[in-house]
Amino acid sequence: MVHCFLINTVCPVSALEAGDSRVLFSRVFGPDDASQDEALSAEERRALQRDKLLLVARQVLSSVTLSREASGRGPTEGVAAAAAATDEATALQEADSGVQRLRAGDPFPGERSVLWLAVQSLAFSLVCLPHENLLLAEGTLRSLARHCLEHLRLLGHGSEVLLKVDRIDFLLSKLLPHGQLLFLNHRFTQSLEKDIAAYMAK
Protein backbone atom coordinates (compact mmCIF):
# COMPACT_ATOMS: atom_id res chain seq x y z
CA MET A 1 0.00 0.00 0.00
CA VAL A 2 1.03 3.60 -0.62
CA HIS A 3 1.23 5.71 2.53
CA CYS A 4 1.14 9.08 0.76
CA PHE A 5 1.59 11.00 -2.48
CA LEU A 6 3.16 14.43 -2.64
CA ILE A 7 4.30 17.12 -5.06
CA ASN A 8 7.08 19.43 -3.93
CA THR A 9 9.56 21.93 -5.36
CA VAL A 10 13.11 20.82 -6.18
CA CYS A 11 14.63 24.10 -7.28
CA PRO A 12 15.36 27.33 -5.40
CA VAL A 13 12.28 29.35 -4.51
CA SER A 14 12.83 32.97 -3.53
CA ALA A 15 10.85 32.69 -0.29
CA LEU A 16 12.79 29.62 0.89
CA GLU A 17 16.27 29.11 2.25
CA ALA A 18 18.81 27.17 0.15
CA GLY A 19 18.24 23.44 0.44
CA ASP A 20 14.61 23.86 1.46
CA SER A 21 11.53 22.62 -0.38
CA ARG A 22 7.87 23.59 -0.49
CA VAL A 23 5.17 20.92 -0.42
CA LEU A 24 2.60 22.01 -3.01
CA PHE A 25 0.23 19.05 -2.65
CA SER A 26 -0.01 16.02 -0.39
CA ARG A 27 -2.49 13.23 0.21
CA VAL A 28 -2.10 10.70 3.03
CA PHE A 29 -3.94 7.40 2.68
CA GLY A 30 -5.21 5.50 5.71
CA PRO A 31 -5.01 6.58 9.34
CA ASP A 32 -2.39 9.09 10.37
CA ASP A 33 0.48 7.71 12.48
CA ALA A 34 -0.27 10.29 15.17
CA SER A 35 -4.02 9.53 15.25
CA GLN A 36 -3.47 6.89 17.93
CA ASP A 37 -1.99 9.43 20.34
CA GLU A 38 -4.97 10.78 22.27
CA ALA A 39 -2.76 13.29 24.08
CA LEU A 40 -2.43 15.31 20.86
CA SER A 41 -5.08 17.74 19.68
CA ALA A 42 -6.31 17.65 16.08
CA GLU A 43 -4.21 20.72 15.30
CA GLU A 44 -1.09 19.14 16.81
CA ARG A 45 -1.67 15.98 14.76
CA ARG A 46 -1.95 18.03 11.56
CA ALA A 47 1.23 19.94 12.41
CA LEU A 48 3.09 16.68 13.11
CA GLN A 49 1.94 15.18 9.81
CA ARG A 50 2.92 18.36 7.95
CA ASP A 51 6.40 18.23 9.50
CA LYS A 52 6.83 14.58 8.44
CA LEU A 53 5.86 15.34 4.85
CA LEU A 54 8.17 18.34 4.78
CA LEU A 55 11.03 16.12 5.95
CA VAL A 56 10.25 13.67 3.12
CA ALA A 57 10.22 16.59 0.64
CA ARG A 58 13.63 17.75 1.87
CA GLN A 59 15.07 14.25 1.50
CA VAL A 60 13.67 14.02 -2.03
CA LEU A 61 15.18 17.43 -2.83
CA SER A 62 18.55 16.20 -1.55
CA SER A 63 18.34 13.05 -3.69
CA VAL A 64 17.33 15.01 -6.80
CA THR A 65 20.19 17.48 -6.28
CA LEU A 66 22.72 14.66 -5.88
CA SER A 67 21.35 12.88 -8.96
CA ARG A 68 21.57 16.01 -11.11
CA GLU A 69 25.07 16.84 -9.88
CA ALA A 70 26.23 13.25 -10.51
CA SER A 71 25.06 13.57 -14.11
CA GLY A 72 27.15 16.73 -14.49
CA ARG A 73 24.34 19.23 -14.05
CA GLY A 74 23.78 21.76 -11.31
CA PRO A 75 20.55 21.68 -9.31
CA THR A 76 18.91 24.24 -11.59
CA GLU A 77 20.74 23.54 -14.85
CA GLY A 78 18.38 20.73 -15.86
CA VAL A 79 15.41 22.92 -15.04
CA ALA A 80 16.63 25.78 -17.23
CA ALA A 81 17.42 23.45 -20.12
CA ALA A 82 14.10 21.67 -19.92
CA ALA A 83 12.15 24.91 -19.55
CA ALA A 84 13.07 25.78 -23.12
CA ALA A 85 10.88 22.87 -24.24
CA THR A 86 7.36 23.33 -22.93
CA ASP A 87 6.26 19.91 -24.16
CA GLU A 88 5.23 17.96 -21.07
CA ALA A 89 5.94 14.60 -22.71
CA THR A 90 9.51 15.65 -23.46
CA ALA A 91 9.98 16.96 -19.94
CA LEU A 92 8.74 13.66 -18.52
CA GLN A 93 11.13 11.65 -20.69
CA GLU A 94 14.06 13.73 -19.42
CA ALA A 95 12.96 13.47 -15.78
CA ASP A 96 15.30 12.27 -13.06
CA SER A 97 14.00 9.40 -10.92
CA GLY A 98 15.08 7.40 -7.93
CA VAL A 99 14.13 5.43 -4.87
CA GLN A 100 15.31 5.72 -1.29
CA ARG A 101 14.66 3.91 1.95
CA LEU A 102 13.47 5.72 5.06
CA ARG A 103 14.51 4.01 8.28
CA ALA A 104 12.00 3.39 11.05
CA GLY A 105 11.53 6.59 13.02
CA ASP A 106 12.84 8.81 10.19
CA PRO A 107 10.19 10.26 10.13
CA PHE A 108 7.54 7.49 10.21
CA PRO A 109 7.28 4.84 12.95
CA GLY A 110 7.98 2.05 10.45
CA GLU A 111 10.30 1.71 7.49
CA ARG A 112 9.17 3.25 4.20
CA SER A 113 10.32 3.41 0.58
CA VAL A 114 10.12 6.68 -1.34
CA LEU A 115 9.93 6.68 -5.14
CA TRP A 116 10.43 10.08 -6.73
CA LEU A 117 10.26 11.54 -10.21
CA ALA A 118 11.74 15.03 -10.71
CA VAL A 119 10.36 16.89 -13.73
CA GLN A 120 12.03 20.27 -14.11
CA SER A 121 11.24 22.17 -10.89
CA LEU A 122 8.73 19.67 -9.45
CA ALA A 123 9.08 16.28 -7.80
CA PHE A 124 6.28 13.72 -7.63
CA SER A 125 6.73 11.14 -4.86
CA LEU A 126 5.06 8.03 -3.50
CA VAL A 127 5.85 6.92 0.03
CA CYS A 128 5.23 3.16 0.13
CA LEU A 129 5.04 0.59 2.90
CA PRO A 130 7.84 -1.99 3.07
CA HIS A 131 7.64 -4.95 0.67
CA GLU A 132 5.43 -3.00 -1.77
CA ASN A 133 5.86 -3.82 -5.45
CA LEU A 134 8.21 -0.98 -6.44
CA LEU A 135 7.97 -1.65 -10.19
CA LEU A 136 4.19 -1.32 -10.01
CA ALA A 137 4.55 1.79 -7.83
CA GLU A 138 6.95 3.35 -10.36
CA GLY A 139 4.49 2.75 -13.19
CA THR A 140 1.70 4.35 -11.14
CA LEU A 141 3.91 7.32 -10.23
CA ARG A 142 4.84 7.93 -13.88
CA SER A 143 1.19 7.69 -14.89
CA LEU A 144 0.15 10.18 -12.18
CA ALA A 145 2.92 12.59 -13.16
CA ARG A 146 2.03 12.29 -16.87
CA HIS A 147 -1.63 13.08 -16.26
CA CYS A 148 -0.79 15.96 -13.91
CA LEU A 149 1.54 17.48 -16.50
CA GLU A 150 -0.67 16.90 -19.54
CA HIS A 151 -4.02 17.90 -18.09
CA LEU A 152 -3.09 20.43 -15.39
CA ARG A 153 -0.14 22.15 -17.10
CA LEU A 154 1.81 22.25 -13.85
CA LEU A 155 5.02 23.29 -15.64
CA GLY A 156 3.51 26.45 -17.11
CA HIS A 157 4.36 29.89 -15.77
CA GLY A 158 1.97 30.96 -13.03
CA SER A 159 0.54 27.46 -12.66
CA GLU A 160 -1.09 27.18 -9.24
CA VAL A 161 -1.29 23.65 -7.88
CA LEU A 162 -3.57 24.69 -5.02
CA LEU A 163 -6.29 25.66 -7.50
CA LYS A 164 -6.22 22.19 -9.03
CA VAL A 165 -6.52 20.05 -5.90
CA ASP A 166 -9.89 18.61 -6.94
CA ARG A 167 -8.44 17.42 -10.25
CA ILE A 168 -5.40 15.85 -8.60
CA ASP A 169 -7.74 14.13 -6.13
CA PHE A 170 -9.74 12.76 -9.08
CA LEU A 171 -6.56 11.34 -10.64
CA LEU A 172 -5.65 9.70 -7.33
CA SER A 173 -9.13 8.21 -6.98
CA LYS A 174 -8.75 6.59 -10.40
CA LEU A 175 -5.07 5.59 -10.45
CA LEU A 176 -4.39 5.06 -6.73
CA PRO A 177 -7.75 4.44 -4.99
CA HIS A 178 -7.36 4.60 -1.20
CA GLY A 179 -3.62 4.17 -1.65
CA GLN A 180 -3.92 0.79 -3.38
CA LEU A 181 -1.69 0.05 -6.36
CA LEU A 182 -3.63 -1.40 -9.29
CA PHE A 183 -2.60 -4.05 -11.79
CA LEU A 184 -4.10 -2.70 -15.01
CA ASN A 185 -4.72 -4.60 -18.22
CA HIS A 186 -4.87 -2.81 -21.57
CA ARG A 187 -8.68 -2.61 -21.71
CA PHE A 188 -9.03 -1.23 -18.18
CA THR A 189 -6.26 1.29 -18.86
CA GLN A 190 -8.11 2.54 -21.94
CA SER A 191 -11.31 2.89 -19.90
CA LEU A 192 -9.46 4.88 -17.22
CA GLU A 193 -7.89 7.13 -19.84
CA LYS A 194 -11.35 7.93 -21.26
CA ASP A 195 -12.76 8.70 -17.80
CA ILE A 196 -9.83 10.97 -16.99
CA ALA A 197 -9.99 12.80 -20.33
CA ALA A 198 -13.76 13.36 -19.95
CA TYR A 199 -13.37 14.74 -16.42
CA MET A 200 -10.46 17.00 -17.32
CA ALA A 201 -12.36 18.41 -20.30
CA LYS A 202 -15.03 19.87 -17.99
C-alpha atoms as a PDB file:
ATOM      1  CA  MET A   1       0.000   0.000   0.000  1.00  0.00           C
ATOM      2  CA  VAL A   2       1.026   3.595  -0.620  1.00  0.00           C
ATOM      3  CA  HIS A   3       1.233   5.714   2.527  1.00  0.00           C
ATOM      4  CA  CYS A   4       1.142   9.076   0.765  1.00  0.00           C
ATOM      5  CA  PHE A   5       1.594  11.003  -2.477  1.00  0.00           C
ATOM      6  CA  LEU A   6       3.161  14.431  -2.643  1.00  0.00           C
ATOM      7  CA  ILE A   7       4.302  17.117  -5.059  1.00  0.00           C
ATOM      8  CA  ASN A   8       7.083  19.432  -3.933  1.00  0.00           C
ATOM      9  CA  THR A   9       9.557  21.926  -5.358  1.00  0.00           C
ATOM     10  CA  VAL A  10      13.108  20.820  -6.180  1.00  0.00           C
ATOM     11  CA  CYS A  11      14.631  24.100  -7.285  1.00  0.00           C
ATOM     12  CA  PRO A  12      15.360  27.325  -5.399  1.00  0.00           C
ATOM     13  CA  VAL A  13      12.281  29.345  -4.511  1.00  0.00           C
ATOM     14  CA  SER A  14      12.835  32.970  -3.530  1.00  0.00           C
ATOM     15  CA  ALA A  15      10.849  32.686  -0.289  1.00  0.00           C
ATOM     16  CA  LEU A  16      12.785  29.618   0.890  1.00  0.00           C
ATOM     17  CA  GLU A  17      16.268  29.113   2.247  1.00  0.00           C
ATOM     18  CA  ALA A  18      18.810  27.174   0.155  1.00  0.00           C
ATOM     19  CA  GLY A  19      18.240  23.443   0.438  1.00  0.00           C
ATOM     20  CA  ASP A  20      14.615  23.858   1.456  1.00  0.00           C
ATOM     21  CA  SER A  21      11.529  22.623  -0.378  1.00  0.00           C
ATOM     22  CA  ARG A  22       7.872  23.591  -0.486  1.00  0.00           C
ATOM     23  CA  VAL A  23       5.170  20.920  -0.418  1.00  0.00           C
ATOM     24  CA  LEU A  24       2.604  22.008  -3.008  1.00  0.00           C
ATOM     25  CA  PHE A  25       0.232  19.049  -2.648  1.00  0.00           C
ATOM     26  CA  SER A  26      -0.009  16.019  -0.391  1.00  0.00           C
ATOM     27  CA  ARG A  27      -2.491  13.230   0.208  1.00  0.00           C
ATOM     28  CA  VAL A  28      -2.103  10.704   3.029  1.00  0.00           C
ATOM     29  CA  PHE A  29      -3.941   7.397   2.685  1.00  0.00           C
ATOM     30  CA  GLY A  30      -5.207   5.501   5.710  1.00  0.00           C
ATOM     31  CA  PRO A  31      -5.011   6.582   9.339  1.00  0.00           C
ATOM     32  CA  ASP A  32      -2.390   9.094  10.374  1.00  0.00           C
ATOM     33  CA  ASP A  33       0.479   7.710  12.476  1.00  0.00           C
ATOM     34  CA  ALA A  34      -0.268  10.286  15.166  1.00  0.00           C
ATOM     35  CA  SER A  35      -4.024   9.529  15.246  1.00  0.00           C
ATOM     36  CA  GLN A  36      -3.475   6.888  17.929  1.00  0.00           C
ATOM     37  CA  ASP A  37      -1.992   9.430  20.343  1.00  0.00           C
ATOM     38  CA  GLU A  38      -4.971  10.779  22.271  1.00  0.00           C
ATOM     39  CA  ALA A  39      -2.757  13.292  24.078  1.00  0.00           C
ATOM     40  CA  LEU A  40      -2.433  15.311  20.858  1.00  0.00           C
ATOM     41  CA  SER A  41      -5.080  17.744  19.683  1.00  0.00           C
ATOM     42  CA  ALA A  42      -6.313  17.654  16.075  1.00  0.00           C
ATOM     43  CA  GLU A  43      -4.210  20.722  15.298  1.00  0.00           C
ATOM     44  CA  GLU A  44      -1.089  19.144  16.808  1.00  0.00           C
ATOM     45  CA  ARG A  45      -1.668  15.976  14.759  1.00  0.00           C
ATOM     46  CA  ARG A  46      -1.953  18.027  11.557  1.00  0.00           C
ATOM     47  CA  ALA A  47       1.232  19.938  12.411  1.00  0.00           C
ATOM     48  CA  LEU A  48       3.090  16.681  13.113  1.00  0.00           C
ATOM     49  CA  GLN A  49       1.940  15.178   9.808  1.00  0.00           C
ATOM     50  CA  ARG A  50       2.916  18.365   7.951  1.00  0.00           C
ATOM     51  CA  ASP A  51       6.404  18.226   9.502  1.00  0.00           C
ATOM     52  CA  LYS A  52       6.834  14.580   8.443  1.00  0.00           C
ATOM     53  CA  LEU A  53       5.862  15.339   4.851  1.00  0.00           C
ATOM     54  CA  LEU A  54       8.168  18.341   4.781  1.00  0.00           C
ATOM     55  CA  LEU A  55      11.029  16.124   5.947  1.00  0.00           C
ATOM     56  CA  VAL A  56      10.254  13.675   3.116  1.00  0.00           C
ATOM     57  CA  ALA A  57      10.217  16.594   0.642  1.00  0.00           C
ATOM     58  CA  ARG A  58      13.630  17.750   1.871  1.00  0.00           C
ATOM     59  CA  GLN A  59      15.066  14.254   1.503  1.00  0.00           C
ATOM     60  CA  VAL A  60      13.668  14.019  -2.031  1.00  0.00           C
ATOM     61  CA  LEU A  61      15.175  17.435  -2.827  1.00  0.00           C
ATOM     62  CA  SER A  62      18.551  16.205  -1.550  1.00  0.00           C
ATOM     63  CA  SER A  63      18.340  13.047  -3.692  1.00  0.00           C
ATOM     64  CA  VAL A  64      17.329  15.014  -6.800  1.00  0.00           C
ATOM     65  CA  THR A  65      20.187  17.477  -6.277  1.00  0.00           C
ATOM     66  CA  LEU A  66      22.721  14.655  -5.885  1.00  0.00           C
ATOM     67  CA  SER A  67      21.346  12.878  -8.964  1.00  0.00           C
ATOM     68  CA  ARG A  68      21.572  16.012 -11.107  1.00  0.00           C
ATOM     69  CA  GLU A  69      25.068  16.841  -9.879  1.00  0.00           C
ATOM     70  CA  ALA A  70      26.226  13.248 -10.506  1.00  0.00           C
ATOM     71  CA  SER A  71      25.061  13.569 -14.110  1.00  0.00           C
ATOM     72  CA  GLY A  72      27.151  16.730 -14.494  1.00  0.00           C
ATOM     73  CA  ARG A  73      24.337  19.228 -14.053  1.00  0.00           C
ATOM     74  CA  GLY A  74      23.784  21.757 -11.308  1.00  0.00           C
ATOM     75  CA  PRO A  75      20.545  21.677  -9.312  1.00  0.00           C
ATOM     76  CA  THR A  76      18.905  24.244 -11.594  1.00  0.00           C
ATOM     77  CA  GLU A  77      20.744  23.535 -14.852  1.00  0.00           C
ATOM     78  CA  GLY A  78      18.382  20.730 -15.857  1.00  0.00           C
ATOM     79  CA  VAL A  79      15.406  22.920 -15.036  1.00  0.00           C
ATOM     80  CA  ALA A  80      16.634  25.777 -17.231  1.00  0.00           C
ATOM     81  CA  ALA A  81      17.423  23.454 -20.118  1.00  0.00           C
ATOM     82  CA  ALA A  82      14.100  21.670 -19.921  1.00  0.00           C
ATOM     83  CA  ALA A  83      12.153  24.905 -19.546  1.00  0.00           C
ATOM     84  CA  ALA A  84      13.068  25.775 -23.125  1.00  0.00           C
ATOM     85  CA  ALA A  85      10.882  22.866 -24.240  1.00  0.00           C
ATOM     86  CA  THR A  86       7.359  23.326 -22.927  1.00  0.00           C
ATOM     87  CA  ASP A  87       6.260  19.914 -24.160  1.00  0.00           C
ATOM     88  CA  GLU A  88       5.226  17.957 -21.069  1.00  0.00           C
ATOM     89  CA  ALA A  89       5.938  14.604 -22.714  1.00  0.00           C
ATOM     90  CA  THR A  90       9.512  15.650 -23.461  1.00  0.00           C
ATOM     91  CA  ALA A  91       9.982  16.963 -19.942  1.00  0.00           C
ATOM     92  CA  LEU A  92       8.740  13.661 -18.521  1.00  0.00           C
ATOM     93  CA  GLN A  93      11.128  11.650 -20.693  1.00  0.00           C
ATOM     94  CA  GLU A  94      14.059  13.734 -19.424  1.00  0.00           C
ATOM     95  CA  ALA A  95      12.964  13.469 -15.781  1.00  0.00           C
ATOM     96  CA  ASP A  96      15.295  12.272 -13.056  1.00  0.00           C
ATOM     97  CA  SER A  97      13.997   9.405 -10.921  1.00  0.00           C
ATOM     98  CA  GLY A  98      15.077   7.395  -7.932  1.00  0.00           C
ATOM     99  CA  VAL A  99      14.129   5.428  -4.866  1.00  0.00           C
ATOM    100  CA  GLN A 100      15.314   5.723  -1.292  1.00  0.00           C
ATOM    101  CA  ARG A 101      14.658   3.906   1.948  1.00  0.00           C
ATOM    102  CA  LEU A 102      13.472   5.717   5.056  1.00  0.00           C
ATOM    103  CA  ARG A 103      14.510   4.013   8.276  1.00  0.00           C
ATOM    104  CA  ALA A 104      11.996   3.392  11.046  1.00  0.00           C
ATOM    105  CA  GLY A 105      11.528   6.593  13.016  1.00  0.00           C
ATOM    106  CA  ASP A 106      12.839   8.814  10.189  1.00  0.00           C
ATOM    107  CA  PRO A 107      10.190  10.264  10.126  1.00  0.00           C
ATOM    108  CA  PHE A 108       7.541   7.485  10.213  1.00  0.00           C
ATOM    109  CA  PRO A 109       7.283   4.840  12.952  1.00  0.00           C
ATOM    110  CA  GLY A 110       7.976   2.055  10.450  1.00  0.00           C
ATOM    111  CA  GLU A 111      10.297   1.711   7.491  1.00  0.00           C
ATOM    112  CA  ARG A 112       9.167   3.254   4.203  1.00  0.00           C
ATOM    113  CA  SER A 113      10.318   3.411   0.576  1.00  0.00           C
ATOM    114  CA  VAL A 114      10.122   6.680  -1.342  1.00  0.00           C
ATOM    115  CA  LEU A 115       9.927   6.675  -5.136  1.00  0.00           C
ATOM    116  CA  TRP A 116      10.427  10.075  -6.731  1.00  0.00           C
ATOM    117  CA  LEU A 117      10.258  11.538 -10.208  1.00  0.00           C
ATOM    118  CA  ALA A 118      11.739  15.028 -10.709  1.00  0.00           C
ATOM    119  CA  VAL A 119      10.355  16.891 -13.728  1.00  0.00           C
ATOM    120  CA  GLN A 120      12.031  20.274 -14.107  1.00  0.00           C
ATOM    121  CA  SER A 121      11.240  22.175 -10.887  1.00  0.00           C
ATOM    122  CA  LEU A 122       8.733  19.671  -9.449  1.00  0.00           C
ATOM    123  CA  ALA A 123       9.078  16.282  -7.799  1.00  0.00           C
ATOM    124  CA  PHE A 124       6.282  13.718  -7.629  1.00  0.00           C
ATOM    125  CA  SER A 125       6.730  11.142  -4.857  1.00  0.00           C
ATOM    126  CA  LEU A 126       5.058   8.032  -3.500  1.00  0.00           C
ATOM    127  CA  VAL A 127       5.846   6.916   0.032  1.00  0.00           C
ATOM    128  CA  CYS A 128       5.229   3.162   0.133  1.00  0.00           C
ATOM    129  CA  LEU A 129       5.036   0.592   2.896  1.00  0.00           C
ATOM    130  CA  PRO A 130       7.839  -1.995   3.069  1.00  0.00           C
ATOM    131  CA  HIS A 131       7.641  -4.952   0.666  1.00  0.00           C
ATOM    132  CA  GLU A 132       5.433  -3.002  -1.766  1.00  0.00           C
ATOM    133  CA  ASN A 133       5.856  -3.817  -5.451  1.00  0.00           C
ATOM    134  CA  LEU A 134       8.208  -0.975  -6.444  1.00  0.00           C
ATOM    135  CA  LEU A 135       7.966  -1.646 -10.190  1.00  0.00           C
ATOM    136  CA  LEU A 136       4.192  -1.316 -10.012  1.00  0.00           C
ATOM    137  CA  ALA A 137       4.552   1.788  -7.831  1.00  0.00           C
ATOM    138  CA  GLU A 138       6.950   3.348 -10.358  1.00  0.00           C
ATOM    139  CA  GLY A 139       4.485   2.753 -13.191  1.00  0.00           C
ATOM    140  CA  THR A 140       1.700   4.350 -11.142  1.00  0.00           C
ATOM    141  CA  LEU A 141       3.906   7.322 -10.230  1.00  0.00           C
ATOM    142  CA  ARG A 142       4.836   7.926 -13.877  1.00  0.00           C
ATOM    143  CA  SER A 143       1.187   7.692 -14.888  1.00  0.00           C
ATOM    144  CA  LEU A 144       0.148  10.177 -12.176  1.00  0.00           C
ATOM    145  CA  ALA A 145       2.919  12.587 -13.161  1.00  0.00           C
ATOM    146  CA  ARG A 146       2.035  12.289 -16.868  1.00  0.00           C
ATOM    147  CA  HIS A 147      -1.634  13.076 -16.259  1.00  0.00           C
ATOM    148  CA  CYS A 148      -0.794  15.964 -13.909  1.00  0.00           C
ATOM    149  CA  LEU A 149       1.543  17.480 -16.502  1.00  0.00           C
ATOM    150  CA  GLU A 150      -0.667  16.898 -19.540  1.00  0.00           C
ATOM    151  CA  HIS A 151      -4.021  17.904 -18.090  1.00  0.00           C
ATOM    152  CA  LEU A 152      -3.085  20.428 -15.392  1.00  0.00           C
ATOM    153  CA  ARG A 153      -0.143  22.152 -17.101  1.00  0.00           C
ATOM    154  CA  LEU A 154       1.813  22.246 -13.847  1.00  0.00           C
ATOM    155  CA  LEU A 155       5.017  23.286 -15.636  1.00  0.00           C
ATOM    156  CA  GLY A 156       3.507  26.446 -17.110  1.00  0.00           C
ATOM    157  CA  HIS A 157       4.358  29.892 -15.771  1.00  0.00           C
ATOM    158  CA  GLY A 158       1.972  30.956 -13.032  1.00  0.00           C
ATOM    159  CA  SER A 159       0.544  27.460 -12.661  1.00  0.00           C
ATOM    160  CA  GLU A 160      -1.094  27.177  -9.238  1.00  0.00           C
ATOM    161  CA  VAL A 161      -1.291  23.646  -7.879  1.00  0.00           C
ATOM    162  CA  LEU A 162      -3.571  24.694  -5.018  1.00  0.00           C
ATOM    163  CA  LEU A 163      -6.287  25.663  -7.496  1.00  0.00           C
ATOM    164  CA  LYS A 164      -6.218  22.193  -9.032  1.00  0.00           C
ATOM    165  CA  VAL A 165      -6.517  20.045  -5.901  1.00  0.00           C
ATOM    166  CA  ASP A 166      -9.887  18.607  -6.937  1.00  0.00           C
ATOM    167  CA  ARG A 167      -8.438  17.420 -10.255  1.00  0.00           C
ATOM    168  CA  ILE A 168      -5.403  15.846  -8.596  1.00  0.00           C
ATOM    169  CA  ASP A 169      -7.742  14.126  -6.130  1.00  0.00           C
ATOM    170  CA  PHE A 170      -9.735  12.756  -9.076  1.00  0.00           C
ATOM    171  CA  LEU A 171      -6.557  11.343 -10.639  1.00  0.00           C
ATOM    172  CA  LEU A 172      -5.646   9.704  -7.328  1.00  0.00           C
ATOM    173  CA  SER A 173      -9.135   8.206  -6.977  1.00  0.00           C
ATOM    174  CA  LYS A 174      -8.748   6.588 -10.404  1.00  0.00           C
ATOM    175  CA  LEU A 175      -5.072   5.588 -10.445  1.00  0.00           C
ATOM    176  CA  LEU A 176      -4.391   5.058  -6.732  1.00  0.00           C
ATOM    177  CA  PRO A 177      -7.751   4.435  -4.993  1.00  0.00           C
ATOM    178  CA  HIS A 178      -7.358   4.604  -1.203  1.00  0.00           C
ATOM    179  CA  GLY A 179      -3.618   4.171  -1.652  1.00  0.00           C
ATOM    180  CA  GLN A 180      -3.919   0.787  -3.379  1.00  0.00           C
ATOM    181  CA  LEU A 181      -1.692   0.054  -6.361  1.00  0.00           C
ATOM    182  CA  LEU A 182      -3.632  -1.396  -9.294  1.00  0.00           C
ATOM    183  CA  PHE A 183      -2.604  -4.051 -11.789  1.00  0.00           C
ATOM    184  CA  LEU A 184      -4.103  -2.699 -15.012  1.00  0.00           C
ATOM    185  CA  ASN A 185      -4.716  -4.596 -18.225  1.00  0.00           C
ATOM    186  CA  HIS A 186      -4.866  -2.808 -21.570  1.00  0.00           C
ATOM    187  CA  ARG A 187      -8.675  -2.613 -21.711  1.00  0.00           C
ATOM    188  CA  PHE A 188      -9.029  -1.229 -18.179  1.00  0.00           C
ATOM    189  CA  THR A 189      -6.256   1.290 -18.860  1.00  0.00           C
ATOM    190  CA  GLN A 190      -8.111   2.539 -21.939  1.00  0.00           C
ATOM    191  CA  SER A 191     -11.305   2.891 -19.904  1.00  0.00           C
ATOM    192  CA  LEU A 192      -9.459   4.879 -17.221  1.00  0.00           C
ATOM    193  CA  GLU A 193      -7.890   7.132 -19.841  1.00  0.00           C
ATOM    194  CA  LYS A 194     -11.345   7.928 -21.259  1.00  0.00           C
ATOM    195  CA  ASP A 195     -12.761   8.705 -17.799  1.00  0.00           C
ATOM    196  CA  ILE A 196      -9.830  10.972 -16.986  1.00  0.00           C
ATOM    197  CA  ALA A 197      -9.995  12.796 -20.331  1.00  0.00           C
ATOM    198  CA  ALA A 198     -13.761  13.356 -19.945  1.00  0.00           C
ATOM    199  CA  TYR A 199     -13.370  14.741 -16.417  1.00  0.00           C
ATOM    200  CA  MET A 200     -10.461  17.002 -17.322  1.00  0.00           C
ATOM    201  CA  ALA A 201     -12.362  18.408 -20.299  1.00  0.00           C
ATOM    202  CA  LYS A 202     -15.028  19.869 -17.991  1.00  0.00           C
END
